[in-house]
């Protein structure tokens, strides 16, 4: 069963996005250039040694861009 992408506010203009799909996660990470940010530390969920989902922290502007990326995958 595939989980859906979830988004919630963590306060002070920051948002968290839960992404259970590698392709979507990679597209958001690369498009927003998150790997270059030293503060970028995604939460990685694993099952049986495989990465199955990621949580990333985003600003409101990044969240809006991430939502556009997610829509492309639907």
N, C-alpha and C. Protein backbone atom coordinates (compact mmCIF):
# COMPACT_ATOMS: atom_id res chain seq x y z
N UNK A 1 0.84 -1.18 0.00
CA UNK A 1 0.00 0.00 0.00
C UNK A 1 0.89 1.24 0.00
N UNK A 2 0.60 2.15 -0.89
CA UNK A 2 1.37 3.39 -0.97
C UNK A 2 0.76 4.43 -0.04
N UNK A 3 1.61 5.11 0.69
CA UNK A 3 1.16 6.21 1.53
C UNK A 3 1.07 7.46 0.69
N UNK A 4 0.29 8.42 1.16
CA UNK A 4 0.21 9.66 0.42
C UNK A 4 1.14 10.69 1.04
N UNK A 5 1.43 11.71 0.29
CA UNK A 5 2.28 12.79 0.76
C UNK A 5 1.49 13.62 1.76
N UNK A 6 2.11 13.92 2.89
CA UNK A 6 1.45 14.69 3.95
C UNK A 6 2.29 15.92 4.25
N UNK A 7 1.61 17.00 4.59
CA UNK A 7 2.28 18.26 4.91
C UNK A 7 1.67 18.84 6.17
N UNK A 8 2.52 19.36 7.07
CA UNK A 8 2.01 20.01 8.26
C UNK A 8 2.97 21.10 8.71
N UNK A 9 2.42 22.08 9.42
CA UNK A 9 3.21 23.20 9.93
C UNK A 9 3.93 22.78 11.20
N UNK A 10 5.19 23.20 11.31
CA UNK A 10 5.94 22.93 12.54
C UNK A 10 6.26 24.24 13.26
N UNK A 11 5.62 25.33 12.80
CA UNK A 11 5.74 26.63 13.46
C UNK A 11 6.81 27.52 12.84
N UNK A 12 6.70 28.81 13.15
CA UNK A 12 7.65 29.82 12.72
C UNK A 12 7.92 29.80 11.21
N UNK A 13 6.86 29.61 10.43
CA UNK A 13 6.99 29.63 8.98
C UNK A 13 7.64 28.41 8.37
N UNK A 14 7.81 27.36 9.15
CA UNK A 14 8.42 26.13 8.67
C UNK A 14 7.35 25.05 8.49
N UNK A 15 7.55 24.24 7.47
CA UNK A 15 6.63 23.16 7.15
C UNK A 15 7.40 21.86 7.01
N UNK A 16 6.75 20.76 7.30
CA UNK A 16 7.34 19.44 7.12
C UNK A 16 6.52 18.70 6.08
N UNK A 17 7.22 18.02 5.17
CA UNK A 17 6.54 17.23 4.14
C UNK A 17 7.03 15.79 4.23
N UNK A 18 6.08 14.87 4.31
CA UNK A 18 6.37 13.43 4.35
C UNK A 18 6.19 12.89 2.94
N UNK A 19 7.26 12.30 2.39
CA UNK A 19 7.25 11.85 1.00
C UNK A 19 7.58 10.35 0.94
N UNK A 20 6.62 9.50 0.59
CA UNK A 20 6.86 8.06 0.54
C UNK A 20 7.24 7.56 -0.87
N UNK A 21 7.87 8.42 -1.66
CA UNK A 21 8.22 8.05 -3.02
C UNK A 21 9.59 8.62 -3.36
N UNK A 22 10.54 7.74 -3.72
CA UNK A 22 11.91 8.16 -4.00
C UNK A 22 11.98 9.17 -5.14
N UNK A 23 11.27 8.94 -6.22
CA UNK A 23 11.34 9.82 -7.38
C UNK A 23 10.86 11.23 -7.05
N UNK A 24 9.77 11.33 -6.30
CA UNK A 24 9.26 12.65 -5.91
C UNK A 24 10.24 13.32 -4.95
N UNK A 25 10.71 12.58 -3.97
CA UNK A 25 11.68 13.13 -3.02
C UNK A 25 12.91 13.67 -3.75
N UNK A 26 13.45 12.87 -4.66
CA UNK A 26 14.65 13.26 -5.39
C UNK A 26 14.40 14.51 -6.23
N UNK A 27 13.25 14.59 -6.89
CA UNK A 27 12.91 15.75 -7.71
C UNK A 27 12.80 17.01 -6.86
N UNK A 28 12.13 16.92 -5.72
CA UNK A 28 12.01 18.07 -4.82
C UNK A 28 13.39 18.48 -4.29
N UNK A 29 14.15 17.52 -3.83
CA UNK A 29 15.49 17.78 -3.29
C UNK A 29 16.38 18.48 -4.31
N UNK A 30 16.37 17.96 -5.54
CA UNK A 30 17.25 18.52 -6.57
C UNK A 30 16.74 19.87 -7.09
N UNK A 31 15.43 20.00 -7.30
CA UNK A 31 14.87 21.25 -7.81
C UNK A 31 15.08 22.39 -6.83
N UNK A 32 14.88 22.12 -5.55
CA UNK A 32 15.05 23.16 -4.53
C UNK A 32 16.49 23.30 -4.06
N UNK A 33 17.38 22.48 -4.63
CA UNK A 33 18.81 22.50 -4.30
C UNK A 33 19.03 22.33 -2.79
N UNK A 34 18.29 21.42 -2.20
CA UNK A 34 18.37 21.21 -0.75
C UNK A 34 19.67 20.54 -0.33
N UNK A 35 20.27 19.75 -1.19
CA UNK A 35 21.51 19.06 -0.83
C UNK A 35 22.65 20.04 -0.56
N UNK A 36 22.59 21.22 -1.16
CA UNK A 36 23.65 22.21 -0.97
C UNK A 36 23.51 22.95 0.36
N UNK A 37 22.35 22.86 1.00
CA UNK A 37 22.10 23.52 2.27
C UNK A 37 22.66 22.65 3.40
N UNK A 38 23.60 23.19 4.16
CA UNK A 38 24.23 22.40 5.23
C UNK A 38 23.24 22.00 6.32
N UNK A 39 22.12 22.74 6.43
CA UNK A 39 21.11 22.42 7.44
C UNK A 39 20.16 21.32 6.98
N UNK A 40 20.28 20.90 5.72
CA UNK A 40 19.36 19.89 5.17
C UNK A 40 19.68 18.51 5.73
N UNK A 41 18.79 18.04 6.58
CA UNK A 41 18.94 16.72 7.17
C UNK A 41 17.57 16.03 7.16
N UNK A 42 17.26 15.33 6.08
CA UNK A 42 15.94 14.68 6.01
C UNK A 42 15.85 13.52 6.99
N UNK A 43 14.65 13.29 7.47
CA UNK A 43 14.37 12.10 8.28
C UNK A 43 14.12 10.98 7.28
N UNK A 44 14.80 9.87 7.46
CA UNK A 44 14.66 8.74 6.53
C UNK A 44 14.02 7.58 7.28
N UNK A 45 12.94 7.05 6.71
CA UNK A 45 12.26 5.89 7.27
C UNK A 45 12.71 4.66 6.51
N UNK A 46 13.04 3.61 7.25
CA UNK A 46 13.53 2.38 6.62
C UNK A 46 12.67 1.19 7.02
N UNK A 47 12.63 0.22 6.10
CA UNK A 47 11.96 -1.05 6.38
C UNK A 47 12.75 -2.14 5.69
N UNK A 48 13.14 -3.13 6.43
CA UNK A 48 13.94 -4.24 5.89
C UNK A 48 15.20 -3.76 5.17
N UNK A 49 15.81 -2.69 5.68
CA UNK A 49 17.04 -2.17 5.11
C UNK A 49 16.87 -1.26 3.91
N UNK A 50 15.62 -1.01 3.50
CA UNK A 50 15.35 -0.14 2.36
C UNK A 50 14.76 1.18 2.83
N UNK A 51 15.16 2.27 2.20
CA UNK A 51 14.54 3.57 2.47
C UNK A 51 13.14 3.56 1.88
N UNK A 52 12.15 3.89 2.71
CA UNK A 52 10.77 3.84 2.22
C UNK A 52 10.07 5.19 2.23
N UNK A 53 10.59 6.18 2.98
CA UNK A 53 9.96 7.50 3.03
C UNK A 53 10.94 8.52 3.60
N UNK A 54 10.63 9.80 3.35
CA UNK A 54 11.48 10.89 3.81
C UNK A 54 10.61 12.01 4.34
N UNK A 55 11.08 12.68 5.41
CA UNK A 55 10.47 13.91 5.90
C UNK A 55 11.47 15.03 5.68
N UNK A 56 11.02 16.12 5.07
CA UNK A 56 11.91 17.25 4.85
C UNK A 56 11.27 18.52 5.40
N UNK A 57 12.10 19.42 5.92
CA UNK A 57 11.65 20.72 6.42
C UNK A 57 11.75 21.73 5.29
N UNK A 58 10.69 22.53 5.13
CA UNK A 58 10.62 23.50 4.04
C UNK A 58 10.10 24.84 4.55
N UNK A 59 10.51 25.91 3.89
CA UNK A 59 9.90 27.21 4.13
C UNK A 59 8.59 27.26 3.35
N UNK A 60 7.79 28.28 3.57
CA UNK A 60 6.52 28.42 2.85
C UNK A 60 6.75 28.49 1.33
N UNK A 61 7.79 29.23 0.92
CA UNK A 61 8.10 29.36 -0.51
C UNK A 61 8.52 28.01 -1.10
N UNK A 62 9.36 27.29 -0.37
CA UNK A 62 9.79 25.96 -0.83
C UNK A 62 8.61 25.01 -0.88
N UNK A 63 7.71 25.12 0.09
CA UNK A 63 6.53 24.26 0.13
C UNK A 63 5.67 24.46 -1.12
N UNK A 64 5.46 25.70 -1.51
CA UNK A 64 4.66 25.98 -2.70
C UNK A 64 5.29 25.35 -3.94
N UNK A 65 6.60 25.46 -4.07
CA UNK A 65 7.31 24.85 -5.21
C UNK A 65 7.21 23.32 -5.14
N UNK A 66 7.36 22.77 -3.94
CA UNK A 66 7.28 21.32 -3.76
C UNK A 66 5.89 20.80 -4.16
N UNK A 67 4.85 21.54 -3.83
CA UNK A 67 3.49 21.13 -4.20
C UNK A 67 3.32 21.07 -5.71
N UNK A 68 3.95 22.01 -6.42
CA UNK A 68 3.90 21.99 -7.89
C UNK A 68 4.58 20.74 -8.43
N UNK A 69 5.68 20.37 -7.84
CA UNK A 69 6.41 19.18 -8.27
C UNK A 69 5.57 17.93 -8.02
N UNK A 70 4.93 17.86 -6.86
CA UNK A 70 4.09 16.71 -6.53
C UNK A 70 2.95 16.57 -7.54
N UNK A 71 2.36 17.68 -7.93
CA UNK A 71 1.25 17.64 -8.91
C UNK A 71 1.69 17.04 -10.24
N UNK A 72 2.94 17.28 -10.63
CA UNK A 72 3.44 16.72 -11.89
C UNK A 72 3.48 15.19 -11.86
N UNK A 73 3.59 14.60 -10.68
CA UNK A 73 3.68 13.15 -10.55
C UNK A 73 2.32 12.49 -10.44
N UNK A 74 1.26 13.25 -10.34
CA UNK A 74 -0.08 12.65 -10.22
C UNK A 74 -0.64 12.28 -11.56
